[in-house]
C-alpha atoms as a PDB file:
ATOM      1  CA  MET A   1      16.863  -3.336  10.337  1.00  0.00           C
ATOM      2  CA  ARG A   2      16.843  -0.251   8.073  1.00  0.00           C
ATOM      3  CA  SER A   3      15.350   3.107   8.958  1.00  0.00           C
ATOM      4  CA  GLU A   4      12.573   4.381   6.677  1.00  0.00           C
ATOM      5  CA  SER A   5      12.174   7.811   8.233  1.00  0.00           C
ATOM      6  CA  GLY A   6      12.937   9.806   5.052  1.00  0.00           C
ATOM      7  CA  GLN A   7      11.242   7.521   2.545  1.00  0.00           C
ATOM      8  CA  ALA A   8       8.026   9.561   2.255  1.00  0.00           C
ATOM      9  CA  THR A   9       9.989  12.760   1.618  1.00  0.00           C
ATOM     10  CA  VAL A  10      11.989  11.148  -1.171  1.00  0.00           C
ATOM     11  CA  GLU A  11       8.813   9.771  -2.778  1.00  0.00           C
ATOM     12  CA  SER A  12       7.095  13.171  -2.535  1.00  0.00           C
ATOM     13  CA  ILE A  13      10.015  14.922  -4.181  1.00  0.00           C
ATOM     14  CA  ALA A  14       9.958  12.387  -7.016  1.00  0.00           C
ATOM     15  CA  VAL A  15       6.269  13.096  -7.697  1.00  0.00           C
ATOM     16  CA  VAL A  16       6.549  16.921  -7.822  1.00  0.00           C
ATOM     17  CA  PRO A  17       8.056  17.129 -11.359  1.00  0.00           C
ATOM     18  CA  ILE A  18       5.434  14.726 -12.703  1.00  0.00           C
ATOM     19  CA  VAL A  19       2.584  16.758 -11.204  1.00  0.00           C
ATOM     20  CA  ALA A  20       4.128  20.008 -12.472  1.00  0.00           C
ATOM     21  CA  ALA A  21       4.391  18.586 -16.014  1.00  0.00           C
ATOM     22  CA  LEU A  22       0.768  17.447 -15.921  1.00  0.00           C
ATOM     23  CA  VAL A  23      -0.419  20.852 -14.710  1.00  0.00           C
ATOM     24  CA  LEU A  24       1.601  22.585 -17.436  1.00  0.00           C
ATOM     25  CA  ALA A  25       0.233  20.252 -20.124  1.00  0.00           C
ATOM     26  CA  PHE A  26      -3.340  20.779 -18.922  1.00  0.00           C
ATOM     27  CA  GLY A  27      -2.865  24.547 -18.830  1.00  0.00           C
ATOM     28  CA  LEU A  28      -1.389  24.688 -22.330  1.00  0.00           C
ATOM     29  CA  THR A  29      -4.221  22.528 -23.653  1.00  0.00           C
ATOM     30  CA  ALA A  30      -6.797  24.849 -22.112  1.00  0.00           C
ATOM     31  CA  VAL A  31      -5.068  27.949 -23.515  1.00  0.00           C
ATOM     32  CA  SER A  32      -4.790  26.313 -26.934  1.00  0.00           C
ATOM     33  CA  LEU A  33      -8.492  25.471 -27.042  1.00  0.00           C
ATOM     34  CA  ALA A  34      -9.465  28.960 -25.886  1.00  0.00           C
ATOM     35  CA  THR A  35      -7.314  30.686 -28.515  1.00  0.00           C
ATOM     36  CA  ARG A  36      -8.582  28.439 -31.304  1.00  0.00           C
ATOM     37  CA  VAL A  37     -12.212  29.078 -30.401  1.00  0.00           C
ATOM     38  CA  ALA A  38     -11.630  32.828 -30.063  1.00  0.00           C
ATOM     39  CA  SER A  39      -9.751  32.932 -33.381  1.00  0.00           C
ATOM     40  CA  GLY A  40     -12.635  31.184 -35.122  1.00  0.00           C
ATOM     41  CA  GLU A  41     -15.142  33.591 -33.584  1.00  0.00           C
ATOM     42  CA  ALA A  42     -13.027  36.544 -34.710  1.00  0.00           C
ATOM     43  CA  ALA A  43     -12.788  35.216 -38.275  1.00  0.00           C
ATOM     44  CA  GLU A  44     -16.534  34.654 -38.420  1.00  0.00           C
ATOM     45  CA  ALA A  45     -17.305  38.143 -37.105  1.00  0.00           C
ATOM     46  CA  ALA A  46     -14.832  39.677 -39.561  1.00  0.00           C
ATOM     47  CA  ALA A  47     -16.364  37.792 -42.487  1.00  0.00           C
ATOM     48  CA  ILE A  48     -19.882  38.889 -41.548  1.00  0.00           C
ATOM     49  CA  ALA A  49     -18.699  42.478 -41.221  1.00  0.00           C
ATOM     50  CA  MET A  50     -16.959  42.300 -44.589  1.00  0.00           C
ATOM     51  CA  ILE A  51     -20.090  40.966 -46.262  1.00  0.00           C
ATOM     52  CA  ASN A  52     -22.160  43.740 -44.648  1.00  0.00           C
ATOM     53  CA  GLY A  53     -19.681  46.443 -45.672  1.00  0.00           C
ATOM     54  CA  SER A  54     -18.298  47.133 -42.186  1.00  0.00           C
ATOM     55  CA  ALA A  55     -14.709  47.107 -40.947  1.00  0.00           C
ATOM     56  CA  PRO A  56     -13.664  43.451 -40.521  1.00  0.00           C
ATOM     57  CA  ARG A  57     -10.736  44.122 -38.187  1.00  0.00           C
ATOM     58  CA  VAL A  58     -12.890  46.123 -35.786  1.00  0.00           C
ATOM     59  CA  ALA A  59     -15.596  43.453 -35.799  1.00  0.00           C
ATOM     60  CA  ALA A  60     -13.027  40.722 -35.163  1.00  0.00           C
ATOM     61  CA  ALA A  61     -11.570  42.593 -32.190  1.00  0.00           C
ATOM     62  CA  LYS A  62     -14.999  43.285 -30.698  1.00  0.00           C
ATOM     63  CA  SER A  63     -16.023  39.639 -30.972  1.00  0.00           C
ATOM     64  CA  ILE A  64     -13.340  38.213 -28.685  1.00  0.00           C
ATOM     65  CA  PRO A  65     -12.650  38.681 -24.968  1.00  0.00           C
ATOM     66  CA  GLY A  66     -10.521  41.610 -23.837  1.00  0.00           C
ATOM     67  CA  TRP A  67      -7.608  39.403 -22.733  1.00  0.00           C
ATOM     68  CA  ALA A  68      -7.156  38.192 -26.317  1.00  0.00           C
ATOM     69  CA  ARG A  69      -7.371  41.454 -28.269  1.00  0.00           C
ATOM     70  CA  SER A  70      -3.710  42.429 -28.019  1.00  0.00           C
ATOM     71  CA  GLY A  71      -2.644  39.106 -29.544  1.00  0.00           C
ATOM     72  CA  LEU A  72      -5.075  39.229 -32.479  1.00  0.00           C
ATOM     73  CA  SER A  73      -3.863  39.553 -36.052  1.00  0.00           C
ATOM     74  CA  VAL A  74      -6.386  39.810 -38.905  1.00  0.00           C
ATOM     75  CA  ARG A  75      -5.434  39.435 -42.569  1.00  0.00           C
ATOM     76  CA  VAL A  76      -8.099  40.511 -45.024  1.00  0.00           C
ATOM     77  CA  THR A  77      -8.051  39.805 -48.754  1.00  0.00           C
ATOM     78  CA  ARG A  78     -10.802  40.218 -51.325  1.00  0.00           C
ATOM     79  CA  ARG A  79     -12.019  36.654 -50.833  1.00  0.00           C
ATOM     80  CA  SER A  80     -10.796  35.530 -47.408  1.00  0.00           C
ATOM     81  CA  ILE A  81     -10.320  36.405 -43.768  1.00  0.00           C
ATOM     82  CA  GLU A  82      -7.434  34.887 -41.828  1.00  0.00           C
ATOM     83  CA  THR A  83      -7.056  35.389 -38.091  1.00  0.00           C
ATOM     84  CA  THR A  84      -4.201  34.451 -35.814  1.00  0.00           C
ATOM     85  CA  LEU A  85      -4.439  34.753 -32.064  1.00  0.00           C
ATOM     86  CA  LEU A  86      -1.278  34.529 -29.975  1.00  0.00           C
ATOM     87  CA  PRO A  87      -2.058  34.224 -26.279  1.00  0.00           C
ATOM     88  CA  VAL A  88      -0.669  36.930 -24.029  1.00  0.00           C
ATOM     89  CA  GLY A  89       1.683  35.810 -21.270  1.00  0.00           C
ATOM     90  CA  VAL A  90       2.755  32.543 -22.873  1.00  0.00           C
ATOM     91  CA  PRO A  91       6.518  32.200 -23.444  1.00  0.00           C
ATOM     92  CA  ALA A  92       7.571  32.756 -27.047  1.00  0.00           C
ATOM     93  CA  GLN A  93       8.857  29.188 -27.338  1.00  0.00           C
ATOM     94  CA  LEU A  94       5.362  27.835 -26.623  1.00  0.00           C
ATOM     95  CA  ALA A  95       3.285  30.499 -28.388  1.00  0.00           C
ATOM     96  CA  GLY A  96       3.350  28.645 -31.702  1.00  0.00           C
ATOM     97  CA  LEU A  97       1.947  25.527 -30.067  1.00  0.00           C
ATOM     98  CA  VAL A  98      -1.047  27.264 -28.542  1.00  0.00           C
ATOM     99  CA  ALA A  99      -1.778  29.931 -31.172  1.00  0.00           C
ATOM    100  CA  GLY A 100      -5.249  29.909 -32.657  1.00  0.00           C
ATOM    101  CA  ARG A 101      -5.606  30.232 -36.416  1.00  0.00           C
ATOM    102  CA  ALA A 102      -8.705  30.400 -38.589  1.00  0.00           C
ATOM    103  CA  LYS A 103      -9.311  31.099 -42.261  1.00  0.00           C
ATOM    104  CA  LEU A 104     -12.676  31.711 -43.874  1.00  0.00           C
ATOM    105  CA  TRP A 105     -13.320  31.990 -47.580  1.00  0.00           C
ATOM    106  CA  ILE A 106     -15.933  34.474 -48.712  1.00  0.00           C
ATOM    107  CA  GLY A 107     -17.954  33.776 -51.829  1.00  0.00           C
ATOM    108  CA  PRO A 108     -19.200  30.703 -53.651  1.00  0.00           C
ATOM    109  CA  ASP A 109     -15.808  29.379 -54.827  1.00  0.00           C
ATOM    110  CA  ARG A 110     -12.263  29.610 -53.565  1.00  0.00           C
END
């Protein structure tokens, strides 16, 4: 007869990497969705400000949560607003995967 005294420990250790990968994937998905929504909000606020004659970059920064402001980049041209939001605290290798980007065209035609 074989002893099974360490079997549960071995099975638990095998599950830990799988659970860690799932938690990481869920976390990156949540961060990605949050940055994309915030980037869209920033682009919309910047476009409205530009149409009203206000500073688009200031409006974009004010429209998003404080945690996201340091990662916000706003590019303004005569006819468009482009925002990019890189989440703070995410490793550089993963930042491109979870960055939020939005572009709005201003005016009747592109």
